[in-house]
């Protein structure tokens, strides 16, 4: 009796393992994740550009020029915003360029 249970148990185990592997590798595409990341980056860049535009208004500039500490802080803030925008653009171009292996894999899937 135990001899019959053991092969059935291993068959079920093997079937479950193969099913889990098929599901995880079949759903492991990056396209959806890339689209979401690109959308987030686009929104972040839009917000940062609006902040830059708002900070460069004529009503704010005279207030900042009154204090050297504020002027220094504003300069650092603009440098940080520009750096984040540049890094977002770099990430965006990296996501948009397809590597050779990705192209080959997509052709095989079709």
C-alpha atoms as a PDB file:
ATOM      1  CA  UNK A   1       0.000   0.000   0.000  1.00  0.00           C
ATOM      2  CA  UNK A   2       2.766   2.448   0.846  1.00  0.00           C
ATOM      3  CA  UNK A   3       4.537   1.727  -2.393  1.00  0.00           C
ATOM      4  CA  UNK A   4       1.582   3.053  -4.377  1.00  0.00           C
ATOM      5  CA  UNK A   5       1.303   6.234  -2.286  1.00  0.00           C
ATOM      6  CA  UNK A   6       4.907   7.245  -2.722  1.00  0.00           C
ATOM      7  CA  UNK A   7       4.936   7.464  -6.547  1.00  0.00           C
ATOM      8  CA  UNK A   8       1.616   9.363  -6.488  1.00  0.00           C
ATOM      9  CA  UNK A   9       2.995  11.776  -3.916  1.00  0.00           C
ATOM     10  CA  UNK A  10       6.103  12.445  -6.007  1.00  0.00           C
ATOM     11  CA  UNK A  11       3.979  12.835  -9.146  1.00  0.00           C
ATOM     12  CA  UNK A  12       1.848  15.460  -7.429  1.00  0.00           C
ATOM     13  CA  UNK A  13       4.915  17.180  -6.091  1.00  0.00           C
ATOM     14  CA  UNK A  14       6.564  17.207  -9.506  1.00  0.00           C
ATOM     15  CA  UNK A  15       3.372  18.442 -11.190  1.00  0.00           C
ATOM     16  CA  UNK A  16       3.001  21.234  -8.658  1.00  0.00           C
ATOM     17  CA  UNK A  17       6.638  22.248  -9.069  1.00  0.00           C
ATOM     18  CA  UNK A  18       6.392  22.318 -12.883  1.00  0.00           C
ATOM     19  CA  UNK A  19       3.181  24.348 -12.678  1.00  0.00           C
ATOM     20  CA  UNK A  20       4.786  26.919 -10.379  1.00  0.00           C
ATOM     21  CA  UNK A  21       7.835  27.174 -12.649  1.00  0.00           C
ATOM     22  CA  UNK A  22       5.673  27.589 -15.760  1.00  0.00           C
ATOM     23  CA  UNK A  23       3.564  30.294 -14.137  1.00  0.00           C
ATOM     24  CA  UNK A  24       6.495  32.291 -12.769  1.00  0.00           C
ATOM     25  CA  UNK A  25       8.565  32.168 -15.940  1.00  0.00           C
ATOM     26  CA  UNK A  26       5.603  32.718 -18.228  1.00  0.00           C
ATOM     27  CA  UNK A  27       4.590  35.882 -16.409  1.00  0.00           C
ATOM     28  CA  UNK A  28       8.104  37.239 -16.075  1.00  0.00           C
ATOM     29  CA  UNK A  29       7.855  39.817 -18.824  1.00  0.00           C
ATOM     30  CA  UNK A  30       9.238  43.268 -18.189  1.00  0.00           C
ATOM     31  CA  UNK A  31       6.987  45.107 -20.634  1.00  0.00           C
ATOM     32  CA  UNK A  32       4.305  46.004 -18.111  1.00  0.00           C
ATOM     33  CA  UNK A  33       6.874  46.966 -15.501  1.00  0.00           C
ATOM     34  CA  UNK A  34       8.744  49.105 -18.006  1.00  0.00           C
ATOM     35  CA  UNK A  35       5.560  50.897 -19.049  1.00  0.00           C
ATOM     36  CA  UNK A  36       4.673  51.638 -15.434  1.00  0.00           C
ATOM     37  CA  UNK A  37       8.195  52.857 -14.663  1.00  0.00           C
ATOM     38  CA  UNK A  38       8.222  55.086 -17.760  1.00  0.00           C
ATOM     39  CA  UNK A  39       4.868  56.564 -16.788  1.00  0.00           C
ATOM     40  CA  UNK A  40       6.121  57.293 -13.255  1.00  0.00           C
ATOM     41  CA  UNK A  41       9.303  58.897 -14.608  1.00  0.00           C
ATOM     42  CA  UNK A  42       7.283  61.024 -17.007  1.00  0.00           C
ATOM     43  CA  UNK A  43       5.052  62.239 -14.166  1.00  0.00           C
ATOM     44  CA  UNK A  44       8.047  62.925 -11.922  1.00  0.00           C
ATOM     45  CA  UNK A  45       9.741  64.968 -14.629  1.00  0.00           C
ATOM     46  CA  UNK A  46       6.568  66.970 -15.211  1.00  0.00           C
ATOM     47  CA  UNK A  47       6.312  67.757 -11.488  1.00  0.00           C
ATOM     48  CA  UNK A  48       9.991  68.718 -11.256  1.00  0.00           C
ATOM     49  CA  UNK A  49       9.742  70.993 -14.283  1.00  0.00           C
ATOM     50  CA  UNK A  50       6.702  72.702 -12.762  1.00  0.00           C
ATOM     51  CA  UNK A  51       8.645  73.227  -9.534  1.00  0.00           C
ATOM     52  CA  UNK A  52      11.520  74.773 -11.495  1.00  0.00           C
ATOM     53  CA  UNK A  53       9.093  77.036 -13.324  1.00  0.00           C
ATOM     54  CA  UNK A  54       7.432  78.068 -10.077  1.00  0.00           C
ATOM     55  CA  UNK A  55      10.766  78.779  -8.372  1.00  0.00           C
ATOM     56  CA  UNK A  56      11.914  80.983 -11.234  1.00  0.00           C
ATOM     57  CA  UNK A  57       8.985  83.392 -10.958  1.00  0.00           C
ATOM     58  CA  UNK A  58       9.726  87.072 -10.536  1.00  0.00           C
ATOM     59  CA  UNK A  59       7.800  87.225  -7.274  1.00  0.00           C
ATOM     60  CA  UNK A  60      10.116  84.716  -5.583  1.00  0.00           C
ATOM     61  CA  UNK A  61      13.489  85.846  -6.952  1.00  0.00           C
ATOM     62  CA  UNK A  62      13.745  89.151  -4.976  1.00  0.00           C
ATOM     63  CA  UNK A  63      12.959  87.343  -1.731  1.00  0.00           C
ATOM     64  CA  UNK A  64      15.691  84.795  -2.359  1.00  0.00           C
ATOM     65  CA  UNK A  65      18.270  87.430  -3.302  1.00  0.00           C
ATOM     66  CA  UNK A  66      17.850  89.185   0.050  1.00  0.00           C
ATOM     67  CA  UNK A  67      19.522  86.403   1.971  1.00  0.00           C
ATOM     68  CA  UNK A  68      22.783  84.740   0.874  1.00  0.00           C
ATOM     69  CA  UNK A  69      21.761  81.552   2.685  1.00  0.00           C
ATOM     70  CA  UNK A  70      18.516  81.393   0.729  1.00  0.00           C
ATOM     71  CA  UNK A  71      20.361  82.072  -2.512  1.00  0.00           C
ATOM     72  CA  UNK A  72      22.798  79.256  -1.760  1.00  0.00           C
ATOM     73  CA  UNK A  73      19.952  76.903  -0.828  1.00  0.00           C
ATOM     74  CA  UNK A  74      18.049  77.806  -3.991  1.00  0.00           C
ATOM     75  CA  UNK A  75      21.133  77.131  -6.091  1.00  0.00           C
ATOM     76  CA  UNK A  76      21.571  73.718  -4.473  1.00  0.00           C
ATOM     77  CA  UNK A  77      17.879  72.950  -4.933  1.00  0.00           C
ATOM     78  CA  UNK A  78      18.045  73.751  -8.643  1.00  0.00           C
ATOM     79  CA  UNK A  79      21.182  71.621  -9.022  1.00  0.00           C
ATOM     80  CA  UNK A  80      19.412  68.707  -7.298  1.00  0.00           C
ATOM     81  CA  UNK A  81      16.291  69.080  -9.427  1.00  0.00           C
ATOM     82  CA  UNK A  82      18.379  69.178 -12.616  1.00  0.00           C
ATOM     83  CA  UNK A  83      20.315  66.096 -11.508  1.00  0.00           C
ATOM     84  CA  UNK A  84      17.110  64.156 -10.838  1.00  0.00           C
ATOM     85  CA  UNK A  85      15.671  65.155 -14.220  1.00  0.00           C
ATOM     86  CA  UNK A  86      18.869  64.067 -15.969  1.00  0.00           C
ATOM     87  CA  UNK A  87      18.932  60.734 -14.150  1.00  0.00           C
ATOM     88  CA  UNK A  88      15.273  60.161 -15.019  1.00  0.00           C
ATOM     89  CA  UNK A  89      16.052  60.822 -18.673  1.00  0.00           C
ATOM     90  CA  UNK A  90      18.935  58.343 -18.519  1.00  0.00           C
ATOM     91  CA  UNK A  91      16.707  55.687 -16.994  1.00  0.00           C
ATOM     92  CA  UNK A  92      14.051  56.413 -19.607  1.00  0.00           C
ATOM     93  CA  UNK A  93      16.477  55.956 -22.494  1.00  0.00           C
ATOM     94  CA  UNK A  94      17.805  52.764 -20.906  1.00  0.00           C
ATOM     95  CA  UNK A  95      14.274  51.360 -20.696  1.00  0.00           C
ATOM     96  CA  UNK A  96      13.443  52.344 -24.254  1.00  0.00           C
ATOM     97  CA  UNK A  97      16.528  50.783 -25.843  1.00  0.00           C
ATOM     98  CA  UNK A  98      16.115  47.084 -26.377  1.00  0.00           C
ATOM     99  CA  UNK A  99      19.080  44.874 -25.855  1.00  0.00           C
ATOM    100  CA  UNK A 100      19.858  42.152 -28.374  1.00  0.00           C
ATOM    101  CA  UNK A 101      18.781  39.331 -26.046  1.00  0.00           C
ATOM    102  CA  UNK A 102      15.423  41.002 -25.371  1.00  0.00           C
ATOM    103  CA  UNK A 103      14.718  41.333 -29.080  1.00  0.00           C
ATOM    104  CA  UNK A 104      15.612  37.691 -29.694  1.00  0.00           C
ATOM    105  CA  UNK A 105      13.412  36.532 -26.815  1.00  0.00           C
ATOM    106  CA  UNK A 106      10.455  38.575 -28.032  1.00  0.00           C
ATOM    107  CA  UNK A 107      10.781  37.128 -31.534  1.00  0.00           C
ATOM    108  CA  UNK A 108      10.804  33.587 -30.134  1.00  0.00           C
ATOM    109  CA  UNK A 109       7.697  34.240 -28.052  1.00  0.00           C
ATOM    110  CA  UNK A 110       5.670  35.369 -31.072  1.00  0.00           C
END
